PDB file of N, CA and C in Angstrom:
ATOM      1  N   UNK A   1       6.186  -5.449   2.881  1.00  0.00           N
ATOM      2  CA  UNK A   1       6.201  -4.734   1.695  1.00  0.00           C
ATOM      3  C   UNK A   1       6.461  -2.853   1.782  1.00  0.00           C
ATOM      4  N   UNK A   2       6.911  -2.802   2.945  1.00  0.00           N
ATOM      5  CA  UNK A   2       7.426  -1.396   2.517  1.00  0.00           C
ATOM      6  C   UNK A   2       8.309  -1.426   2.719  1.00  0.00           C
ATOM      7  N   UNK A   3       9.488  -2.761   3.138  1.00  0.00           N
ATOM      8  CA  UNK A   3      10.379  -2.815   2.713  1.00  0.00           C
ATOM      9  C   UNK A   3      11.057  -2.749   1.090  1.00  0.00           C
ATOM     10  N   UNK A   4       9.992  -3.116   0.694  1.00  0.00           N
ATOM     11  CA  UNK A   4      10.534  -3.799  -0.987  1.00  0.00           C
ATOM     12  C   UNK A   4       9.954  -2.559  -1.716  1.00  0.00           C
ATOM     13  N   UNK A   5       8.702  -2.048  -0.977  1.00  0.00           N
ATOM     14  CA  UNK A   5       8.527  -0.871  -1.985  1.00  0.00           C
ATOM     15  C   UNK A   5      10.444   0.683  -1.236  1.00  0.00           C
ATOM     16  N   UNK A   6      10.203   0.583  -0.835  1.00  0.00           N
ATOM     17  CA  UNK A   6      11.034   1.260  -0.322  1.00  0.00           C
ATOM     18  C   UNK A   6      12.371   1.123  -1.431  1.00  0.00           C
ATOM     19  N   UNK A   7      12.908  -0.763  -1.340  1.00  0.00           N
ATOM     20  CA  UNK A   7      14.143  -0.505  -2.229  1.00  0.00           C
ATOM     21  C   UNK A   7      14.255  -0.653  -3.559  1.00  0.00           C
ATOM     22  N   UNK A   8      12.893  -0.730  -3.624  1.00  0.00           N
ATOM     23  CA  UNK A   8      12.182  -0.613  -5.423  1.00  0.00           C
ATOM     24  C   UNK A   8      12.304   0.665  -5.881  1.00  0.00           C
ATOM     25  N   UNK A   9      12.107   1.354  -5.470  1.00  0.00           N
ATOM     26  CA  UNK A   9      11.914   3.244  -5.503  1.00  0.00           C
ATOM     27  C   UNK A   9      13.693   3.920  -5.546  1.00  0.00           C
ATOM     28  N   UNK A  10      14.231   3.360  -4.361  1.00  0.00           N
ATOM     29  CA  UNK A  10      15.336   3.514  -4.623  1.00  0.00           C
ATOM     30  C   UNK A  10      16.364   3.256  -5.876  1.00  0.00           C
ATOM     31  N   UNK A  11      15.517   1.851  -6.498  1.00  0.00           N
ATOM     32  CA  UNK A  11      16.710   1.039  -7.053  1.00  0.00           C
ATOM     33  C   UNK A  11      16.082   2.281  -8.838  1.00  0.00           C
ATOM     34  N   UNK A  12      15.285   2.862  -8.641  1.00  0.00           N
ATOM     35  CA  UNK A  12      14.368   3.016  -9.984  1.00  0.00           C
ATOM     36  C   UNK A  12      15.088   4.583 -10.283  1.00  0.00           C
ATOM     37  N   UNK A  13      14.932   5.284  -8.529  1.00  0.00           N
ATOM     38  CA  UNK A  13      16.091   6.237  -8.668  1.00  0.00           C
ATOM     39  C   UNK A  13      17.008   6.145  -9.110  1.00  0.00           C
ATOM     40  N   UNK A  14      17.954   5.619  -9.278  1.00  0.00           N
ATOM     41  CA  UNK A  14      19.125   5.053  -9.220  1.00  0.00           C
ATOM     42  C   UNK A  14      19.340   5.172 -10.678  1.00  0.00           C
ATOM     43  N   UNK A  15      18.624   3.430 -10.956  1.00  0.00           N
ATOM     44  CA  UNK A  15      18.733   3.404 -12.179  1.00  0.00           C
ATOM     45  C   UNK A  15      17.572   4.502 -13.181  1.00  0.00           C
ATOM     46  N   UNK A  16      17.661   5.244 -13.336  1.00  0.00           N
ATOM     47  CA  UNK A  16      16.938   6.386 -13.793  1.00  0.00           C
ATOM     48  C   UNK A  16      18.264   7.362 -14.095  1.00  0.00           C
ATOM     49  N   UNK A  17      18.764   7.743 -13.278  1.00  0.00           N
ATOM     50  CA  UNK A  17      20.377   8.425 -13.627  1.00  0.00           C
ATOM     51  C   UNK A  17      21.236   8.467 -13.889  1.00  0.00           C
ATOM     52  N   UNK A  18      21.261   6.465 -13.374  1.00  0.00           N
ATOM     53  CA  UNK A  18      22.582   5.764 -14.891  1.00  0.00           C
ATOM     54  C   UNK A  18      22.706   5.765 -15.659  1.00  0.00           C
ATOM     55  N   UNK A  19      20.775   5.507 -16.570  1.00  0.00           N
ATOM     56  CA  UNK A  19      20.447   4.989 -17.275  1.00  0.00           C
ATOM     57  C   UNK A  19      19.764   6.067 -17.598  1.00  0.00           C
ATOM     58  N   UNK A  20      20.007   6.605 -18.824  1.00  0.00           N
ATOM     59  CA  UNK A  20      18.576   7.774 -18.863  1.00  0.00           C
ATOM     60  C   UNK A  20      17.892   7.175 -20.104  1.00  0.00           C
ATOM     61  N   UNK A  21      18.341   6.991 -20.811  1.00  0.00           N
ATOM     62  CA  UNK A  21      18.309   6.874 -22.145  1.00  0.00           C
ATOM     63  C   UNK A  21      16.502   4.987 -21.719  1.00  0.00           C
ATOM     64  N   UNK A  22      16.641   4.691 -21.217  1.00  0.00           N
ATOM     65  CA  UNK A  22      15.794   3.626 -20.778  1.00  0.00           C
ATOM     66  C   UNK A  22      14.609   3.901 -19.345  1.00  0.00           C
ATOM     67  N   UNK A  23      14.440   5.327 -19.079  1.00  0.00           N
ATOM     68  CA  UNK A  23      13.433   5.693 -18.618  1.00  0.00           C
ATOM     69  C   UNK A  23      11.931   6.218 -19.254  1.00  0.00           C
ATOM     70  N   UNK A  24      11.292   5.419 -18.554  1.00  0.00           N
ATOM     71  CA  UNK A  24       9.752   5.047 -19.776  1.00  0.00           C
ATOM     72  C   UNK A  24       9.553   6.461 -18.904  1.00  0.00           C
ATOM     73  N   UNK A  25       8.598   6.951 -19.445  1.00  0.00           N
ATOM     74  CA  UNK A  25       7.861   8.543 -18.909  1.00  0.00           C
ATOM     75  C   UNK A  25       6.220   8.064 -19.562  1.00  0.00           C
ATOM     76  N   UNK A  26       5.403   8.342 -18.147  1.00  0.00           N
ATOM     77  CA  UNK A  26       4.297   7.689 -18.267  1.00  0.00           C
ATOM     78  C   UNK A  26       2.719   9.475 -18.043  1.00  0.00           C
ATOM     79  N   UNK A  27       2.274   9.261 -17.736  1.00  0.00           N
ATOM     80  CA  UNK A  27       1.540  10.528 -17.783  1.00  0.00           C
ATOM     81  C   UNK A  27       2.126  12.118 -17.049  1.00  0.00           C
ATOM     82  N   UNK A  28       2.504  12.927 -17.817  1.00  0.00           N
ATOM     83  CA  UNK A  28       2.812  14.134 -16.835  1.00  0.00           C
ATOM     84  C   UNK A  28       4.768  14.205 -16.227  1.00  0.00           C
ATOM     85  N   UNK A  29       4.972  14.098 -15.174  1.00  0.00           N
ATOM     86  CA  UNK A  29       6.429  13.931 -14.409  1.00  0.00           C
ATOM     87  C   UNK A  29       6.567  12.454 -13.915  1.00  0.00           C
ATOM     88  N   UNK A  30       5.511  11.023 -14.213  1.00  0.00           N
ATOM     89  CA  UNK A  30       5.989  10.489 -14.026  1.00  0.00           C
ATOM     90  C   UNK A  30       6.602   9.384 -14.913  1.00  0.00           C
ATOM     91  N   UNK A  31       8.032   9.240 -14.224  1.00  0.00           N
ATOM     92  CA  UNK A  31       9.064   8.231 -14.707  1.00  0.00           C
ATOM     93  C   UNK A  31       9.394   6.685 -14.263  1.00  0.00           C
ATOM     94  N   UNK A  32       9.719   5.920 -15.142  1.00  0.00           N
ATOM     95  CA  UNK A  32      10.251   4.365 -14.561  1.00  0.00           C
ATOM     96  C   UNK A  32      10.975   3.869 -15.411  1.00  0.00           C
ATOM     97  N   UNK A  33      12.153   3.310 -14.545  1.00  0.00           N
ATOM     98  CA  UNK A  33      12.881   3.267 -15.598  1.00  0.00           C
ATOM     99  C   UNK A  33      12.825   0.959 -15.531  1.00  0.00           C
ATOM    100  N   UNK A  34      13.255   0.966 -16.931  1.00  0.00           N
ATOM    101  CA  UNK A  34      13.136  -0.397 -17.680  1.00  0.00           C
ATOM    102  C   UNK A  34      13.351  -0.865 -16.909  1.00  0.00           C
ATOM    103  N   UNK A  35      14.668  -0.395 -16.091  1.00  0.00           N
ATOM    104  CA  UNK A  35      15.117  -1.714 -15.026  1.00  0.00           C
ATOM    105  C   UNK A  35      14.495  -1.632 -14.020  1.00  0.00           C
ATOM    106  N   UNK A  36      13.599  -0.714 -13.681  1.00  0.00           N
ATOM    107  CA  UNK A  36      12.446  -1.303 -12.783  1.00  0.00           C
ATOM    108  C   UNK A  36      11.739  -2.375 -12.701  1.00  0.00           C
ATOM    109  N   UNK A  37      10.942  -1.477 -13.863  1.00  0.00           N
ATOM    110  CA  UNK A  37       9.547  -1.820 -13.790  1.00  0.00           C
ATOM    111  C   UNK A  37       9.877  -3.866 -14.464  1.00  0.00           C
ATOM    112  N   UNK A  38      10.741  -4.188 -15.227  1.00  0.00           N
ATOM    113  CA  UNK A  38      10.752  -5.749 -15.331  1.00  0.00           C
ATOM    114  C   UNK A  38      10.846  -6.062 -13.799  1.00  0.00           C
ATOM    115  N   UNK A  39      11.768  -6.055 -12.498  1.00  0.00           N
ATOM    116  CA  UNK A  39      12.101  -6.374 -11.566  1.00  0.00           C
ATOM    117  C   UNK A  39      10.845  -6.358 -11.269  1.00  0.00           C
ATOM    118  N   UNK A  40       9.896  -5.726 -11.012  1.00  0.00           N
ATOM    119  CA  UNK A  40       8.463  -5.326 -10.782  1.00  0.00           C
ATOM    120  C   UNK A  40       6.954  -6.660 -11.050  1.00  0.00           C
ATOM    121  N   UNK A  41       7.853  -6.572 -12.238  1.00  0.00           N
ATOM    122  CA  UNK A  41       6.419  -7.377 -12.978  1.00  0.00           C
ATOM    123  C   UNK A  41       7.256  -8.810 -12.231  1.00  0.00           C
ATOM    124  N   UNK A  42       8.508  -9.081 -12.708  1.00  0.00           N
ATOM    125  CA  UNK A  42       8.848 -10.450 -11.605  1.00  0.00           C
ATOM    126  C   UNK A  42       8.501 -10.679 -10.017  1.00  0.00           C
ATOM    127  N   UNK A  43       8.642  -9.492  -9.549  1.00  0.00           N
ATOM    128  CA  UNK A  43       8.555  -9.722  -7.772  1.00  0.00           C
ATOM    129  C   UNK A  43       6.438 -10.352  -8.447  1.00  0.00           C
ATOM    130  N   UNK A  44       6.113  -9.851  -9.168  1.00  0.00           N
ATOM    131  CA  UNK A  44       5.101  -9.970  -8.920  1.00  0.00           C
ATOM    132  C   UNK A  44       4.547 -11.258  -9.392  1.00  0.00           C
ATOM    133  N   UNK A  45       4.903 -11.937 -10.110  1.00  0.00           N
ATOM    134  CA  UNK A  45       4.987 -12.895 -11.414  1.00  0.00           C
ATOM    135  C   UNK A  45       5.215 -14.018  -9.621  1.00  0.00           C
ATOM    136  N   UNK A  46       6.294 -13.455  -8.831  1.00  0.00           N
ATOM    137  CA  UNK A  46       6.962 -13.938  -8.195  1.00  0.00           C
ATOM    138  C   UNK A  46       5.630 -14.609  -6.921  1.00  0.00           C
ATOM    139  N   UNK A  47       4.717 -12.707  -6.722  1.00  0.00           N
ATOM    140  CA  UNK A  47       3.907 -13.334  -5.506  1.00  0.00           C
ATOM    141  C   UNK A  47       3.269 -14.099  -6.289  1.00  0.00           C
ATOM    142  N   UNK A  48       2.287 -13.852  -7.839  1.00  0.00           N
ATOM    143  CA  UNK A  48       1.177 -14.827  -7.578  1.00  0.00           C
ATOM    144  C   UNK A  48       1.184 -16.055  -8.011  1.00  0.00           C
ATOM    145  N   UNK A  49       2.803 -16.806  -7.892  1.00  0.00           N
ATOM    146  CA  UNK A  49       3.136 -18.311  -8.452  1.00  0.00           C
ATOM    147  C   UNK A  49       2.965 -18.916  -7.031  1.00  0.00           C
ATOM    148  N   UNK A  50       2.754 -17.807  -5.400  1.00  0.00           N
ATOM    149  CA  UNK A  50       3.406 -18.623  -4.931  1.00  0.00           C
ATOM    150  C   UNK A  50       2.126 -18.188  -3.830  1.00  0.00           C
ATOM    151  N   UNK A  51       1.234 -18.152  -3.829  1.00  0.00           N
ATOM    152  CA  UNK A  51      -0.250 -17.252  -3.126  1.00  0.00           C
ATOM    153  C   UNK A  51       0.036 -17.925  -1.711  1.00  0.00           C
ATOM    154  N   UNK A  52       0.626 -18.768  -1.279  1.00  0.00           N
ATOM    155  CA  UNK A  52       0.262 -19.525  -0.281  1.00  0.00           C
ATOM    156  C   UNK A  52      -1.508 -19.443   0.515  1.00  0.00           C
ATOM    157  N   UNK A  53      -1.066 -18.338   2.029  1.00  0.00           N
ATOM    158  CA  UNK A  53      -1.915 -18.511   2.632  1.00  0.00           C
ATOM    159  C   UNK A  53      -3.234 -17.055   2.184  1.00  0.00           C
ATOM    160  N   UNK A  54      -4.383 -17.468   2.119  1.00  0.00           N
ATOM    161  CA  UNK A  54      -4.882 -16.265   1.240  1.00  0.00           C
ATOM    162  C   UNK A  54      -5.612 -15.122   2.056  1.00  0.00           C
ATOM    163  N   UNK A  55      -5.786 -15.500   3.533  1.00  0.00           N
ATOM    164  CA  UNK A  55      -5.306 -14.243   4.792  1.00  0.00           C
ATOM    165  C   UNK A  55      -4.258 -13.498   4.822  1.00  0.00           C
ATOM    166  N   UNK A  56      -3.128 -14.090   3.718  1.00  0.00           N
ATOM    167  CA  UNK A  56      -2.226 -12.911   4.656  1.00  0.00           C
ATOM    168  C   UNK A  56      -1.332 -13.182   2.830  1.00  0.00           C
ATOM    169  N   UNK A  57      -2.076 -13.371   1.809  1.00  0.00           N
ATOM    170  CA  UNK A  57      -1.554 -12.964   0.637  1.00  0.00           C
ATOM    171  C   UNK A  57      -1.596 -11.206  -0.326  1.00  0.00           C
ATOM    172  N   UNK A  58      -0.195 -10.948  -0.098  1.00  0.00           N
ATOM    173  CA  UNK A  58      -0.745  -9.605  -0.762  1.00  0.00           C
ATOM    174  C   UNK A  58      -1.438  -8.911  -1.785  1.00  0.00           C
ATOM    175  N   UNK A  59      -2.573  -9.258  -1.862  1.00  0.00           N
ATOM    176  CA  UNK A  59      -3.716  -9.459  -3.063  1.00  0.00           C
ATOM    177  C   UNK A  59      -3.543  -7.329  -2.872  1.00  0.00           C
ATOM    178  N   UNK A  60      -3.262  -6.844  -2.592  1.00  0.00           N
ATOM    179  CA  UNK A  60      -3.714  -5.094  -2.186  1.00  0.00           C
ATOM    180  C   UNK A  60      -1.920  -4.719  -3.091  1.00  0.00           C
ATOM    181  N   UNK A  61      -1.057  -5.251  -2.473  1.00  0.00           N
ATOM    182  CA  UNK A  61      -0.284  -5.124  -2.402  1.00  0.00           C
ATOM    183  C   UNK A  61       0.185  -5.117  -3.802  1.00  0.00           C
ATOM    184  N   UNK A  62      -0.285  -6.221  -4.594  1.00  0.00           N
ATOM    185  CA  UNK A  62      -0.160  -6.387  -6.038  1.00  0.00           C
ATOM    186  C   UNK A  62      -0.648  -5.104  -6.826  1.00  0.00           C
ATOM    187  N   UNK A  63      -1.388  -5.326  -6.432  1.00  0.00           N
ATOM    188  CA  UNK A  63      -2.833  -4.110  -6.916  1.00  0.00           C
ATOM    189  C   UNK A  63      -1.798  -2.859  -6.722  1.00  0.00           C
ATOM    190  N   UNK A  64      -1.634  -2.086  -5.989  1.00  0.00           N
ATOM    191  CA  UNK A  64      -0.479  -1.177  -5.799  1.00  0.00           C
ATOM    192  C   UNK A  64       0.591  -0.984  -7.097  1.00  0.00           C
ATOM    193  N   UNK A  65       1.533  -1.899  -6.963  1.00  0.00           N
ATOM    194  CA  UNK A  65       2.734  -1.854  -7.049  1.00  0.00           C
ATOM    195  C   UNK A  65       2.130  -2.201  -9.183  1.00  0.00           C
ATOM    196  N   UNK A  66       1.143  -2.737  -9.537  1.00  0.00           N
ATOM    197  CA  UNK A  66       0.773  -1.847 -11.098  1.00  0.00           C
ATOM    198  C   UNK A  66       0.184  -0.852 -11.275  1.00  0.00           C
ATOM    199  N   UNK A  67      -0.417  -0.931 -10.089  1.00  0.00           N
ATOM    200  CA  UNK A  67      -0.690   0.994 -10.232  1.00  0.00           C
ATOM    201  C   UNK A  67       0.133   1.936  -9.898  1.00  0.00           C
ATOM    202  N   UNK A  68       1.036   1.305  -9.640  1.00  0.00           N
ATOM    203  CA  UNK A  68       2.143   2.514  -9.501  1.00  0.00           C
ATOM    204  C   UNK A  68       3.300   2.352 -10.713  1.00  0.00           C
ATOM    205  N   UNK A  69       3.756   1.555 -11.186  1.00  0.00           N
ATOM    206  CA  UNK A  69       3.709   1.162 -12.403  1.00  0.00           C
ATOM    207  C   UNK A  69       3.466   1.240 -14.011  1.00  0.00           C
ATOM    208  N   UNK A  70       2.230   1.351 -13.781  1.00  0.00           N
ATOM    209  CA  UNK A  70       1.579   1.077 -14.927  1.00  0.00           C
ATOM    210  C   UNK A  70       1.864  -0.080 -15.871  1.00  0.00           C
ATOM    211  N   UNK A  71       1.190  -1.377 -14.445  1.00  0.00           N
ATOM    212  CA  UNK A  71       1.266  -2.290 -15.706  1.00  0.00           C
ATOM    213  C   UNK A  71      -0.168  -3.384 -15.628  1.00  0.00           C
ATOM    214  N   UNK A  72      -0.955  -2.529 -16.371  1.00  0.00           N
ATOM    215  CA  UNK A  72      -1.164  -2.994 -16.742  1.00  0.00           C
ATOM    216  C   UNK A  72      -2.478  -4.091 -17.673  1.00  0.00           C
ATOM    217  N   UNK A  73      -2.901  -5.088 -17.138  1.00  0.00           N
ATOM    218  CA  UNK A  73      -2.748  -6.912 -17.592  1.00  0.00           C
ATOM    219  C   UNK A  73      -4.205  -6.755 -17.678  1.00  0.00           C
TER     220      UNK A  73
END
């Protein structure tokens, strides 16, 4: 999951620079690109559909992604 977080952070920074008109601003200085938000939503959807073994399923990681990208569902 660390690699996913790191790559999504890098992707977010690049797309914010490349497409500043698609930046979504949140509380204070926090912002994310619309592209990264869509990507993270899709990752969460895939993880939730493929739960696998309850002992290894990343429930906390999904919650962290939702919190980091302000995805209140």
